[in-house]
PDB file of N, CA and C in Angstrom:
ATOM      1  N   MET A   1     -17.253 -36.198 -12.356  1.00  0.00           N
ATOM      2  CA  MET A   1     -16.122 -35.077 -12.111  1.00  0.00           C
ATOM      3  C   MET A   1     -15.310 -36.162 -11.038  1.00  0.00           C
ATOM      4  N   THR A   2     -14.050 -36.163 -11.055  1.00  0.00           N
ATOM      5  CA  THR A   2     -13.153 -37.107 -10.709  1.00  0.00           C
ATOM      6  C   THR A   2     -12.461 -36.641  -8.810  1.00  0.00           C
ATOM      7  N   ASP A   3     -12.388 -37.639  -8.162  1.00  0.00           N
ATOM      8  CA  ASP A   3     -11.868 -36.987  -6.894  1.00  0.00           C
ATOM      9  C   ASP A   3     -10.564 -35.719  -6.812  1.00  0.00           C
ATOM     10  N   ALA A   4      -9.833 -35.932  -7.560  1.00  0.00           N
ATOM     11  CA  ALA A   4      -8.928 -35.115  -7.738  1.00  0.00           C
ATOM     12  C   ALA A   4      -9.155 -33.909  -8.513  1.00  0.00           C
ATOM     13  N   THR A   5     -10.499 -33.743  -9.217  1.00  0.00           N
ATOM     14  CA  THR A   5     -11.100 -32.404  -9.517  1.00  0.00           C
ATOM     15  C   THR A   5     -11.969 -31.872  -8.810  1.00  0.00           C
ATOM     16  N   THR A   6     -12.340 -32.281  -8.097  1.00  0.00           N
ATOM     17  CA  THR A   6     -13.092 -31.881  -6.714  1.00  0.00           C
ATOM     18  C   THR A   6     -12.623 -31.395  -5.990  1.00  0.00           C
ATOM     19  N   ARG A   7     -11.183 -31.946  -5.219  1.00  0.00           N
ATOM     20  CA  ARG A   7     -10.080 -31.915  -4.786  1.00  0.00           C
ATOM     21  C   ARG A   7      -9.504 -30.196  -5.139  1.00  0.00           C
ATOM     22  N   ALA A   8      -9.167 -30.153  -6.428  1.00  0.00           N
ATOM     23  CA  ALA A   8      -9.182 -28.869  -7.145  1.00  0.00           C
ATOM     24  C   ALA A   8      -9.238 -27.885  -6.940  1.00  0.00           C
ATOM     25  N   ALA A   9     -11.270 -28.271  -7.238  1.00  0.00           N
ATOM     26  CA  ALA A   9     -11.811 -27.215  -6.891  1.00  0.00           C
ATOM     27  C   ALA A   9     -12.135 -26.401  -5.775  1.00  0.00           C
ATOM     28  N   GLU A  10     -11.983 -27.749  -4.649  1.00  0.00           N
ATOM     29  CA  GLU A  10     -12.172 -26.972  -3.355  1.00  0.00           C
ATOM     30  C   GLU A  10     -10.881 -26.249  -3.058  1.00  0.00           C
ATOM     31  N   LEU A  11      -9.565 -26.778  -3.371  1.00  0.00           N
ATOM     32  CA  LEU A  11      -8.464 -26.067  -3.447  1.00  0.00           C
ATOM     33  C   LEU A  11      -8.559 -24.743  -4.117  1.00  0.00           C
ATOM     34  N   LEU A  12      -9.314 -24.552  -4.722  1.00  0.00           N
ATOM     35  CA  LEU A  12      -9.468 -23.311  -5.740  1.00  0.00           C
ATOM     36  C   LEU A  12     -10.606 -22.257  -4.962  1.00  0.00           C
ATOM     37  N   LYS A  13     -11.607 -22.842  -4.622  1.00  0.00           N
ATOM     38  CA  LYS A  13     -12.389 -22.255  -3.907  1.00  0.00           C
ATOM     39  C   LYS A  13     -11.641 -21.390  -2.251  1.00  0.00           C
ATOM     40  N   SER A  14     -10.679 -22.364  -1.808  1.00  0.00           N
ATOM     41  CA  SER A  14     -10.313 -21.766  -0.659  1.00  0.00           C
ATOM     42  C   SER A  14      -9.139 -20.866  -1.018  1.00  0.00           C
ATOM     43  N   HIS A  15      -8.475 -20.893  -2.096  1.00  0.00           N
ATOM     44  CA  HIS A  15      -7.205 -20.119  -2.271  1.00  0.00           C
ATOM     45  C   HIS A  15      -8.304 -18.347  -2.472  1.00  0.00           C
ATOM     46  N   ARG A  16      -9.141 -18.781  -3.067  1.00  0.00           N
ATOM     47  CA  ARG A  16      -9.931 -17.260  -3.626  1.00  0.00           C
ATOM     48  C   ARG A  16     -10.866 -16.583  -2.980  1.00  0.00           C
ATOM     49  N   GLU A  17     -11.122 -17.819  -1.598  1.00  0.00           N
ATOM     50  CA  GLU A  17     -11.625 -16.508  -0.449  1.00  0.00           C
ATOM     51  C   GLU A  17     -10.540 -15.700   0.702  1.00  0.00           C
ATOM     52  N   SER A  18      -9.109 -16.343   0.236  1.00  0.00           N
ATOM     53  CA  SER A  18      -8.324 -15.596   1.333  1.00  0.00           C
ATOM     54  C   SER A  18      -7.964 -14.867   0.500  1.00  0.00           C
ATOM     55  N   ILE A  19      -7.813 -14.868  -1.023  1.00  0.00           N
ATOM     56  CA  ILE A  19      -7.524 -13.733  -1.685  1.00  0.00           C
ATOM     57  C   ILE A  19      -8.260 -12.534  -1.554  1.00  0.00           C
ATOM     58  N   ASP A  20      -9.754 -12.897  -1.588  1.00  0.00           N
ATOM     59  CA  ASP A  20     -10.722 -12.011  -1.221  1.00  0.00           C
ATOM     60  C   ASP A  20     -10.592 -11.453   0.433  1.00  0.00           C
ATOM     61  N   ARG A  21     -10.375 -11.760   1.194  1.00  0.00           N
ATOM     62  CA  ARG A  21     -10.453 -11.299   2.411  1.00  0.00           C
ATOM     63  C   ARG A  21      -9.244 -11.059   2.211  1.00  0.00           C
ATOM     64  N   LEU A  22      -7.922 -10.754   2.129  1.00  0.00           N
ATOM     65  CA  LEU A  22      -6.526 -10.148   1.653  1.00  0.00           C
ATOM     66  C   LEU A  22      -6.873  -8.931   1.051  1.00  0.00           C
ATOM     67  N   ASP A  23      -7.506  -9.014   0.059  1.00  0.00           N
ATOM     68  CA  ASP A  23      -7.984  -7.943  -0.568  1.00  0.00           C
ATOM     69  C   ASP A  23      -8.757  -6.570   0.070  1.00  0.00           C
ATOM     70  N   ALA A  24      -9.482  -7.467   0.875  1.00  0.00           N
ATOM     71  CA  ALA A  24     -10.472  -6.737   1.983  1.00  0.00           C
ATOM     72  C   ALA A  24      -9.466  -5.701   2.706  1.00  0.00           C
ATOM     73  N   ILE A  25      -8.567  -6.918   3.640  1.00  0.00           N
ATOM     74  CA  ILE A  25      -7.842  -5.914   4.467  1.00  0.00           C
ATOM     75  C   ILE A  25      -7.083  -4.862   3.673  1.00  0.00           C
ATOM     76  N   LEU A  26      -6.166  -5.064   2.550  1.00  0.00           N
ATOM     77  CA  LEU A  26      -5.797  -4.244   1.775  1.00  0.00           C
ATOM     78  C   LEU A  26      -6.343  -3.087   1.682  1.00  0.00           C
ATOM     79  N   VAL A  27      -7.620  -3.066   0.767  1.00  0.00           N
ATOM     80  CA  VAL A  27      -8.300  -1.312   0.913  1.00  0.00           C
ATOM     81  C   VAL A  27      -8.613  -1.271   2.049  1.00  0.00           C
ATOM     82  N   PHE A  28      -8.903  -1.413   3.192  1.00  0.00           N
ATOM     83  CA  PHE A  28      -9.040  -1.067   4.531  1.00  0.00           C
ATOM     84  C   PHE A  28      -7.810  -0.187   5.139  1.00  0.00           C
ATOM     85  N   THR A  29      -7.043  -1.205   5.061  1.00  0.00           N
ATOM     86  CA  THR A  29      -5.370  -0.975   4.990  1.00  0.00           C
ATOM     87  C   THR A  29      -4.900   0.706   4.581  1.00  0.00           C
ATOM     88  N   LEU A  30      -5.252   0.425   3.507  1.00  0.00           N
ATOM     89  CA  LEU A  30      -5.072   1.810   2.861  1.00  0.00           C
ATOM     90  C   LEU A  30      -5.676   2.950   3.160  1.00  0.00           C
ATOM     91  N   ALA A  31      -7.139   2.377   3.216  1.00  0.00           N
ATOM     92  CA  ALA A  31      -8.119   3.310   3.288  1.00  0.00           C
ATOM     93  C   ALA A  31      -7.264   4.195   5.046  1.00  0.00           C
ATOM     94  N   GLN A  32      -7.074   3.618   5.665  1.00  0.00           N
ATOM     95  CA  GLN A  32      -6.573   4.168   7.272  1.00  0.00           C
ATOM     96  C   GLN A  32      -5.148   4.893   7.210  1.00  0.00           C
ATOM     97  N   ARG A  33      -4.534   4.373   5.958  1.00  0.00           N
ATOM     98  CA  ARG A  33      -3.368   5.219   6.000  1.00  0.00           C
ATOM     99  C   ARG A  33      -3.573   6.350   4.901  1.00  0.00           C
ATOM    100  N   PHE A  34      -4.112   6.550   4.098  1.00  0.00           N
ATOM    101  CA  PHE A  34      -4.462   7.581   3.843  1.00  0.00           C
ATOM    102  C   PHE A  34      -4.964   8.112   4.696  1.00  0.00           C
ATOM    103  N   LYS A  35      -5.931   8.271   5.451  1.00  0.00           N
ATOM    104  CA  LYS A  35      -6.719   8.906   6.466  1.00  0.00           C
ATOM    105  C   LYS A  35      -5.594   9.775   7.224  1.00  0.00           C
ATOM    106  N   HIS A  36      -4.020   8.907   7.957  1.00  0.00           N
ATOM    107  CA  HIS A  36      -3.103   9.975   8.273  1.00  0.00           C
ATOM    108  C   HIS A  36      -2.089  10.752   7.612  1.00  0.00           C
ATOM    109  N   THR A  37      -2.105  10.083   6.434  1.00  0.00           N
ATOM    110  CA  THR A  37      -1.379  11.706   5.103  1.00  0.00           C
ATOM    111  C   THR A  37      -2.085  12.405   4.788  1.00  0.00           C
ATOM    112  N   GLN A  38      -3.657  12.123   4.390  1.00  0.00           N
ATOM    113  CA  GLN A  38      -4.463  13.623   4.941  1.00  0.00           C
ATOM    114  C   GLN A  38      -4.322  14.498   6.046  1.00  0.00           C
ATOM    115  N   SER A  39      -4.372  13.936   7.045  1.00  0.00           N
ATOM    116  CA  SER A  39      -3.771  14.565   8.325  1.00  0.00           C
ATOM    117  C   SER A  39      -2.429  15.261   8.128  1.00  0.00           C
ATOM    118  N   VAL A  40      -1.553  14.593   7.986  1.00  0.00           N
ATOM    119  CA  VAL A  40      -0.079  14.806   7.594  1.00  0.00           C
ATOM    120  C   VAL A  40       0.200  16.046   6.463  1.00  0.00           C
ATOM    121  N   GLY A  41      -0.925  15.832   5.637  1.00  0.00           N
ATOM    122  CA  GLY A  41      -1.355  17.410   4.444  1.00  0.00           C
ATOM    123  C   GLY A  41      -2.045  18.567   4.701  1.00  0.00           C
ATOM    124  N   ARG A  42      -2.459  18.517   6.050  1.00  0.00           N
ATOM    125  CA  ARG A  42      -3.371  19.085   6.610  1.00  0.00           C
ATOM    126  C   ARG A  42      -2.437  20.303   7.555  1.00  0.00           C
ATOM    127  N   LEU A  43      -1.260  19.207   8.305  1.00  0.00           N
ATOM    128  CA  LEU A  43      -0.617  19.820   9.123  1.00  0.00           C
ATOM    129  C   LEU A  43       0.548  20.501   8.429  1.00  0.00           C
ATOM    130  N   LYS A  44       0.873  19.768   7.124  1.00  0.00           N
ATOM    131  CA  LYS A  44       1.914  20.534   6.670  1.00  0.00           C
ATOM    132  C   LYS A  44       1.292  21.896   6.024  1.00  0.00           C
ATOM    133  N   ALA A  45       0.142  22.035   5.482  1.00  0.00           N
ATOM    134  CA  ALA A  45      -0.569  22.506   4.997  1.00  0.00           C
ATOM    135  C   ALA A  45      -0.822  23.963   5.732  1.00  0.00           C
ATOM    136  N   GLU A  46      -1.241  23.629   6.893  1.00  0.00           N
ATOM    137  CA  GLU A  46      -1.135  24.695   7.629  1.00  0.00           C
ATOM    138  C   GLU A  46       0.090  25.555   8.600  1.00  0.00           C
ATOM    139  N   HIS A  47       1.295  24.138   7.959  1.00  0.00           N
ATOM    140  CA  HIS A  47       2.947  25.031   8.762  1.00  0.00           C
ATOM    141  C   HIS A  47       3.649  25.405   7.708  1.00  0.00           C
ATOM    142  N   ALA A  48       2.672  25.752   6.230  1.00  0.00           N
ATOM    143  CA  ALA A  48       3.819  25.952   5.119  1.00  0.00           C
ATOM    144  C   ALA A  48       4.869  25.090   5.048  1.00  0.00           C
ATOM    145  N   LEU A  49       4.681  23.644   5.148  1.00  0.00           N
ATOM    146  CA  LEU A  49       5.644  22.925   4.637  1.00  0.00           C
ATOM    147  C   LEU A  49       5.477  22.246   3.641  1.00  0.00           C
ATOM    148  N   PRO A  50       6.763  22.070   2.954  1.00  0.00           N
ATOM    149  CA  PRO A  50       6.458  21.705   1.349  1.00  0.00           C
ATOM    150  C   PRO A  50       5.623  20.318   1.528  1.00  0.00           C
ATOM    151  N   PRO A  51       4.881  19.916   0.196  1.00  0.00           N
ATOM    152  CA  PRO A  51       4.005  18.775   0.556  1.00  0.00           C
ATOM    153  C   PRO A  51       4.908  17.356   0.205  1.00  0.00           C
ATOM    154  N   SER A  52       6.183  17.350  -0.282  1.00  0.00           N
ATOM    155  CA  SER A  52       6.486  16.291  -0.471  1.00  0.00           C
ATOM    156  C   SER A  52       7.975  16.328   0.902  1.00  0.00           C
ATOM    157  N   ASP A  53       8.648  15.044   1.179  1.00  0.00           N
ATOM    158  CA  ASP A  53       9.751  15.174   2.045  1.00  0.00           C
ATOM    159  C   ASP A  53      10.540  14.043   1.390  1.00  0.00           C
ATOM    160  N   PRO A  54      11.145  14.132   0.426  1.00  0.00           N
ATOM    161  CA  PRO A  54      12.487  13.710  -0.359  1.00  0.00           C
ATOM    162  C   PRO A  54      12.741  12.593   0.542  1.00  0.00           C
ATOM    163  N   VAL A  55      13.678  13.295   1.973  1.00  0.00           N
ATOM    164  CA  VAL A  55      14.716  12.296   3.003  1.00  0.00           C
ATOM    165  C   VAL A  55      13.656  11.038   3.177  1.00  0.00           C
ATOM    166  N   ARG A  56      12.470  11.720   3.622  1.00  0.00           N
ATOM    167  CA  ARG A  56      11.620  10.293   4.360  1.00  0.00           C
ATOM    168  C   ARG A  56      10.985   9.383   3.425  1.00  0.00           C
ATOM    169  N   GLU A  57      10.998   9.949   1.951  1.00  0.00           N
ATOM    170  CA  GLU A  57      10.300   9.148   1.081  1.00  0.00           C
ATOM    171  C   GLU A  57      11.249   7.966   0.833  1.00  0.00           C
ATOM    172  N   GLU A  58      12.614   8.565   0.675  1.00  0.00           N
ATOM    173  CA  GLU A  58      13.870   7.324   0.130  1.00  0.00           C
ATOM    174  C   GLU A  58      14.126   6.394   1.667  1.00  0.00           C
ATOM    175  N   ALA A  59      13.740   7.124   3.066  1.00  0.00           N
ATOM    176  CA  ALA A  59      14.052   5.908   3.858  1.00  0.00           C
ATOM    177  C   ALA A  59      13.055   4.993   3.549  1.00  0.00           C
ATOM    178  N   GLN A  60      11.921   5.323   3.296  1.00  0.00           N
ATOM    179  CA  GLN A  60      10.336   4.442   3.292  1.00  0.00           C
ATOM    180  C   GLN A  60      10.545   3.505   2.239  1.00  0.00           C
ATOM    181  N   ILE A  61      11.532   4.030   1.093  1.00  0.00           N
ATOM    182  CA  ILE A  61      11.401   3.033   0.128  1.00  0.00           C
ATOM    183  C   ILE A  61      12.129   1.930   0.587  1.00  0.00           C
ATOM    184  N   ALA A  62      13.445   2.427   1.364  1.00  0.00           N
ATOM    185  CA  ALA A  62      14.241   1.666   2.013  1.00  0.00           C
ATOM    186  C   ALA A  62      13.860   0.815   2.777  1.00  0.00           C
ATOM    187  N   ARG A  63      13.045   1.091   3.865  1.00  0.00           N
ATOM    188  CA  ARG A  63      12.647   0.107   4.559  1.00  0.00           C
ATOM    189  C   ARG A  63      11.281  -0.525   4.157  1.00  0.00           C
ATOM    190  N   LEU A  64      10.740  -0.010   3.364  1.00  0.00           N
ATOM    191  CA  LEU A  64       9.835  -1.237   2.539  1.00  0.00           C
ATOM    192  C   LEU A  64      10.467  -2.145   1.491  1.00  0.00           C
ATOM    193  N   THR A  65      11.666  -1.818   1.200  1.00  0.00           N
ATOM    194  CA  THR A  65      12.279  -3.021   0.427  1.00  0.00           C
ATOM    195  C   THR A  65      13.310  -3.794   1.567  1.00  0.00           C
ATOM    196  N   ASP A  66      13.567  -3.321   2.476  1.00  0.00           N
ATOM    197  CA  ASP A  66      13.845  -4.792   3.288  1.00  0.00           C
ATOM    198  C   ASP A  66      12.503  -5.229   3.870  1.00  0.00           C
ATOM    199  N   LEU A  67      11.419  -4.970   4.417  1.00  0.00           N
ATOM    200  CA  LEU A  67      10.506  -5.488   4.518  1.00  0.00           C
ATOM    201  C   LEU A  67       9.663  -6.604   3.752  1.00  0.00           C
ATOM    202  N   ALA A  68       9.765  -6.108   2.260  1.00  0.00           N
ATOM    203  CA  ALA A  68       9.385  -7.030   1.044  1.00  0.00           C
ATOM    204  C   ALA A  68      10.809  -8.410   1.134  1.00  0.00           C
ATOM    205  N   LYS A  69      11.606  -7.631   1.163  1.00  0.00           N
ATOM    206  CA  LYS A  69      12.557  -9.252   1.106  1.00  0.00           C
ATOM    207  C   LYS A  69      12.364 -10.021   2.034  1.00  0.00           C
ATOM    208  N   GLN A  70      12.109  -9.674   3.640  1.00  0.00           N
ATOM    209  CA  GLN A  70      11.839 -10.404   4.979  1.00  0.00           C
ATOM    210  C   GLN A  70      10.452 -11.368   4.524  1.00  0.00           C
ATOM    211  N   ALA A  71       9.541 -10.355   3.700  1.00  0.00           N
ATOM    212  CA  ALA A  71       8.319 -11.360   3.261  1.00  0.00           C
ATOM    213  C   ALA A  71       8.277 -12.054   1.795  1.00  0.00           C
ATOM    214  N   ASP A  72       9.541 -12.261   1.228  1.00  0.00           N
ATOM    215  CA  ASP A  72       9.307 -12.821  -0.009  1.00  0.00           C
ATOM    216  C   ASP A  72       8.408 -12.669  -1.239  1.00  0.00           C
ATOM    217  N   LEU A  73       8.665 -11.149  -0.898  1.00  0.00           N
ATOM    218  CA  LEU A  73       8.008 -10.692  -1.969  1.00  0.00           C
ATOM    219  C   LEU A  73       8.945  -9.595  -2.737  1.00  0.00           C
ATOM    220  N   ASP A  74       8.893  -9.314  -4.197  1.00  0.00           N
ATOM    221  CA  ASP A  74       9.660  -8.779  -5.234  1.00  0.00           C
ATOM    222  C   ASP A  74       9.340  -7.682  -4.304  1.00  0.00           C
ATOM    223  N   PRO A  75      10.930  -7.446  -4.009  1.00  0.00           N
ATOM    224  CA  PRO A  75      11.551  -5.938  -3.652  1.00  0.00           C
ATOM    225  C   PRO A  75      11.203  -4.673  -4.820  1.00  0.00           C
ATOM    226  N   ASP A  76      11.676  -4.699  -5.890  1.00  0.00           N
ATOM    227  CA  ASP A  76      11.195  -3.948  -7.389  1.00  0.00           C
ATOM    228  C   ASP A  76       9.444  -3.818  -7.510  1.00  0.00           C
ATOM    229  N   PHE A  77       8.478  -4.795  -6.764  1.00  0.00           N
ATOM    230  CA  PHE A  77       7.040  -4.245  -6.876  1.00  0.00           C
ATOM    231  C   PHE A  77       6.799  -3.632  -5.562  1.00  0.00           C
ATOM    232  N   ALA A  78       7.632  -3.863  -4.646  1.00  0.00           N
ATOM    233  CA  ALA A  78       6.957  -2.987  -3.096  1.00  0.00           C
ATOM    234  C   ALA A  78       7.911  -1.695  -3.764  1.00  0.00           C
ATOM    235  N   LYS A  79       8.825  -1.589  -4.302  1.00  0.00           N
ATOM    236  CA  LYS A  79       8.876  -0.200  -4.184  1.00  0.00           C
ATOM    237  C   LYS A  79       8.144   0.883  -5.354  1.00  0.00           C
ATOM    238  N   LYS A  80       7.806  -0.141  -6.373  1.00  0.00           N
ATOM    239  CA  LYS A  80       6.753   0.581  -7.317  1.00  0.00           C
ATOM    240  C   LYS A  80       5.239   0.696  -6.726  1.00  0.00           C
ATOM    241  N   PHE A  81       4.943  -0.114  -5.651  1.00  0.00           N
ATOM    242  CA  PHE A  81       3.744   0.424  -5.086  1.00  0.00           C
ATOM    243  C   PHE A  81       3.683   1.143  -4.409  1.00  0.00           C
ATOM    244  N   LEU A  82       4.877   1.513  -3.873  1.00  0.00           N
ATOM    245  CA  LEU A  82       5.175   2.241  -2.345  1.00  0.00           C
ATOM    246  C   LEU A  82       5.200   3.996  -3.017  1.00  0.00           C
ATOM    247  N   ALA A  83       5.632   3.876  -4.235  1.00  0.00           N
ATOM    248  CA  ALA A  83       6.240   4.879  -5.022  1.00  0.00           C
ATOM    249  C   ALA A  83       4.600   5.392  -5.820  1.00  0.00           C
ATOM    250  N   PHE A  84       3.946   4.445  -5.800  1.00  0.00           N
ATOM    251  CA  PHE A  84       2.405   5.031  -6.388  1.00  0.00           C
ATOM    252  C   PHE A  84       2.114   5.717  -5.203  1.00  0.00           C
ATOM    253  N   ILE A  85       1.904   5.148  -4.340  1.00  0.00           N
ATOM    254  CA  ILE A  85       1.409   6.075  -2.920  1.00  0.00           C
ATOM    255  C   ILE A  85       1.882   7.258  -2.923  1.00  0.00           C
ATOM    256  N   ILE A  86       3.023   7.367  -2.873  1.00  0.00           N
ATOM    257  CA  ILE A  86       3.441   8.425  -2.341  1.00  0.00           C
ATOM    258  C   ILE A  86       3.220   9.342  -3.172  1.00  0.00           C
ATOM    259  N   GLN A  87       2.948   8.988  -4.481  1.00  0.00           N
ATOM    260  CA  GLN A  87       2.659  10.013  -5.524  1.00  0.00           C
ATOM    261  C   GLN A  87       1.188  10.442  -5.308  1.00  0.00           C
ATOM    262  N   GLU A  88       0.238   9.721  -4.854  1.00  0.00           N
ATOM    263  CA  GLU A  88      -1.101  10.066  -4.478  1.00  0.00           C
ATOM    264  C   GLU A  88      -1.286  10.502  -3.286  1.00  0.00           C
ATOM    265  N   VAL A  89      -0.572  10.398  -2.507  1.00  0.00           N
ATOM    266  CA  VAL A  89      -0.144  11.158  -0.846  1.00  0.00           C
ATOM    267  C   VAL A  89       0.079  13.130  -1.242  1.00  0.00           C
ATOM    268  N   ILE A  90       1.079  12.659  -1.932  1.00  0.00           N
ATOM    269  CA  ILE A  90       1.789  14.029  -2.482  1.00  0.00           C
ATOM    270  C   ILE A  90       0.766  15.213  -3.463  1.00  0.00           C
ATOM    271  N   LYS A  91       0.242  14.392  -3.895  1.00  0.00           N
ATOM    272  CA  LYS A  91      -1.160  14.778  -5.107  1.00  0.00           C
ATOM    273  C   LYS A  91      -1.797  15.681  -4.134  1.00  0.00           C
ATOM    274  N   HIS A  92      -2.680  14.952  -3.038  1.00  0.00           N
ATOM    275  CA  HIS A  92      -3.370  15.030  -2.118  1.00  0.00           C
ATOM    276  C   HIS A  92      -2.826  16.434  -1.161  1.00  0.00           C
ATOM    277  N   HIS A  93      -1.375  16.093  -0.467  1.00  0.00           N
ATOM    278  CA  HIS A  93      -0.790  17.234   0.239  1.00  0.00           C
ATOM    279  C   HIS A  93      -0.891  18.700  -0.675  1.00  0.00           C
ATOM    280  N   GLU A  94      -0.954  18.271  -2.244  1.00  0.00           N
ATOM    281  CA  GLU A  94      -0.678  20.122  -3.075  1.00  0.00           C
ATOM    282  C   GLU A  94      -1.800  20.359  -3.312  1.00  0.00           C
ATOM    283  N   GLN A  95      -3.181  19.296  -2.658  1.00  0.00           N
ATOM    284  CA  GLN A  95      -4.535  19.943  -3.223  1.00  0.00           C
ATOM    285  C   GLN A  95      -4.613  20.920  -1.898  1.00  0.00           C
ATOM    286  N   HIS A  96      -4.345  20.334  -1.002  1.00  0.00           N
ATOM    287  CA  HIS A  96      -4.411  21.143   0.612  1.00  0.00           C
ATOM    288  C   HIS A  96      -3.667  22.354   0.996  1.00  0.00           C
ATOM    289  N   GLN A  97      -2.436  22.191  -0.147  1.00  0.00           N
ATOM    290  CA  GLN A  97      -1.858  24.076  -0.305  1.00  0.00           C
ATOM    291  C   GLN A  97      -2.510  24.491  -1.407  1.00  0.00           C
ATOM    292  N   SER A  98      -3.210  24.239  -1.920  1.00  0.00           N
ATOM    293  CA  SER A  98      -4.008  25.254  -3.150  1.00  0.00           C
ATOM    294  C   SER A  98      -4.909  26.144  -2.697  1.00  0.00           C
TER     295      SER A  98
END
């Protein structure tokens, strides 16, 4: 194995370890987010509020798009990601109302 190959393997390992840590952060962050949205769902159900809030959703998408641009992340990806999360949240809210 050459020095360059060894160095590449070390860099690859380091990147993968960082990715693994970031994946864990994402999972735990999403879990915390869903705990809060579940509380929101219960509140909405208790007060007969609709499961979705299109005005808030639109504002959140705009906010996340701005954050994505600041972070040099593809804004379209960020919108799709948030749209997926919002759909999951609404699904949970609808379950509370049933």
